Amino acid sequence: MDTTILIAILAVYAVLNVIAFLAFVWDKHKAQNDMWRTKESTLILLALFGPFGATAGMLAVRHKTQKLKFKLVYLFLVLHVIAIAYLAYTGRLDFLLHLFS
């Protein structure tokens, strides 16, 4: 696999996780200050693509941790961990090249 492409994919993945983290933290701030809130569906979608950041954001500010639908965030995290472990274990990172080319 071309190292440049792998680095770009990892950078995009990191950015998605940072965005998810910030979205949860910002929504908590808005909730505390009676401001317009982020849609729950938007937070769930961000968690689907950035579950590490979403989980960290939820736990850092204790936001949405009790709502049933946000238990999906933990499921997304587990699925991402399994997928990453599988790709690393089997050496099939070339799958990412075909997915993004």
Protein backbone atom coordinates (compact mmCIF):
# COMPACT_ATOMS: atom_id res chain seq x y z
CA MET A 1 0.00 0.00 0.00
CA ASP A 2 1.20 3.47 -0.83
CA THR A 3 2.24 5.09 2.43
CA THR A 4 0.94 8.50 1.36
CA ILE A 5 -2.58 7.15 0.83
CA LEU A 6 -2.54 5.29 4.14
CA ILE A 7 -1.42 8.45 5.96
CA ALA A 8 -4.18 10.45 4.25
CA ILE A 9 -6.81 7.88 5.25
CA LEU A 10 -5.56 7.87 8.84
CA ALA A 11 -5.53 11.69 8.90
CA VAL A 12 -9.14 11.86 7.68
CA TYR A 13 -10.13 9.26 10.28
CA ALA A 14 -8.42 11.27 13.02
CA VAL A 15 -10.13 14.48 11.89
CA LEU A 16 -13.53 12.74 11.91
CA ASN A 17 -12.91 11.62 15.48
CA VAL A 18 -11.86 15.12 16.55
CA ILE A 19 -15.00 16.57 14.94
CA ALA A 20 -17.16 14.00 16.76
CA PHE A 21 -15.46 14.82 20.07
CA LEU A 22 -15.95 18.55 19.61
CA ALA A 23 -19.59 18.10 18.55
CA PHE A 24 -20.46 16.26 21.77
CA VAL A 25 -18.59 18.74 23.95
CA TRP A 26 -20.13 21.72 22.12
CA ASP A 27 -23.63 20.25 22.41
CA LYS A 28 -23.13 19.84 26.16
CA HIS A 29 -22.07 23.48 26.37
CA LYS A 30 -25.17 24.53 24.43
CA ALA A 31 -27.39 22.40 26.69
CA GLN A 32 -25.99 24.08 29.80
CA ASN A 33 -26.54 27.56 28.34
CA ASP A 34 -30.05 27.09 26.91
CA MET A 35 -28.81 27.46 23.35
CA TRP A 36 -29.97 25.81 20.14
CA ARG A 37 -28.88 22.16 20.22
CA THR A 38 -27.34 19.80 17.71
CA LYS A 39 -29.79 17.22 16.36
CA GLU A 40 -29.39 13.81 17.98
CA SER A 41 -29.33 12.23 14.52
CA THR A 42 -26.32 14.41 13.65
CA LEU A 43 -24.48 13.32 16.78
CA ILE A 44 -25.24 9.66 16.01
CA LEU A 45 -24.00 10.07 12.43
CA LEU A 46 -20.79 11.68 13.66
CA ALA A 47 -20.38 8.82 16.12
CA LEU A 48 -20.75 6.31 13.28
CA PHE A 49 -17.72 7.77 11.50
CA GLY A 50 -15.77 8.91 14.56
CA PRO A 51 -16.63 6.61 17.46
CA PHE A 52 -13.39 7.13 19.36
CA GLY A 53 -13.95 10.89 19.49
CA ALA A 54 -17.66 10.55 20.19
CA THR A 55 -17.05 8.17 23.08
CA ALA A 56 -14.33 10.39 24.51
CA GLY A 57 -16.58 13.45 24.21
CA MET A 58 -19.53 11.70 25.83
CA LEU A 59 -17.45 10.52 28.76
CA ALA A 60 -15.39 13.72 29.16
CA VAL A 61 -18.44 15.91 29.71
CA ARG A 62 -20.92 13.20 30.74
CA HIS A 63 -23.23 14.04 27.86
CA LYS A 64 -25.84 11.68 26.41
CA THR A 65 -24.43 8.76 28.39
CA GLN A 66 -27.81 7.70 29.80
CA LYS A 67 -29.91 7.94 26.64
CA LEU A 68 -30.65 4.54 25.16
CA LYS A 69 -30.06 5.50 21.52
CA PHE A 70 -26.60 6.76 22.39
CA LYS A 71 -25.60 3.27 23.49
CA LEU A 72 -25.10 2.88 19.72
CA VAL A 73 -21.92 4.93 20.09
CA TYR A 74 -20.35 2.10 22.07
CA LEU A 75 -21.48 -0.40 19.43
CA PHE A 76 -19.89 1.74 16.71
CA LEU A 77 -16.68 1.86 18.74
CA VAL A 78 -16.58 -1.93 19.10
CA LEU A 79 -17.25 -2.41 15.38
CA HIS A 80 -14.44 0.00 14.46
CA VAL A 81 -12.03 -1.75 16.83
CA ILE A 82 -12.92 -5.13 15.32
CA ALA A 83 -12.52 -3.80 11.77
CA ILE A 84 -9.17 -2.17 12.54
CA ALA A 85 -7.91 -5.29 14.33
CA TYR A 86 -9.02 -7.49 11.44
CA LEU A 87 -7.32 -5.30 8.84
CA ALA A 88 -4.13 -5.14 10.90
CA TYR A 89 -4.08 -8.86 11.70
CA THR A 90 -4.72 -10.04 8.15
CA GLY A 91 -2.54 -7.41 6.54
CA ARG A 92 -5.42 -6.43 4.30
CA LEU A 93 -4.91 -2.73 4.47
CA ASP A 94 -4.93 -2.82 0.66
CA PHE A 95 -8.70 -3.02 1.08
CA LEU A 96 -8.58 0.65 2.04
CA LEU A 97 -6.77 1.52 -1.18
CA HIS A 98 -9.50 -0.04 -3.29
CA LEU A 99 -12.22 1.53 -1.18
CA PHE A 100 -10.89 5.08 -1.64
CA SER A 101 -9.50 4.88 -5.17
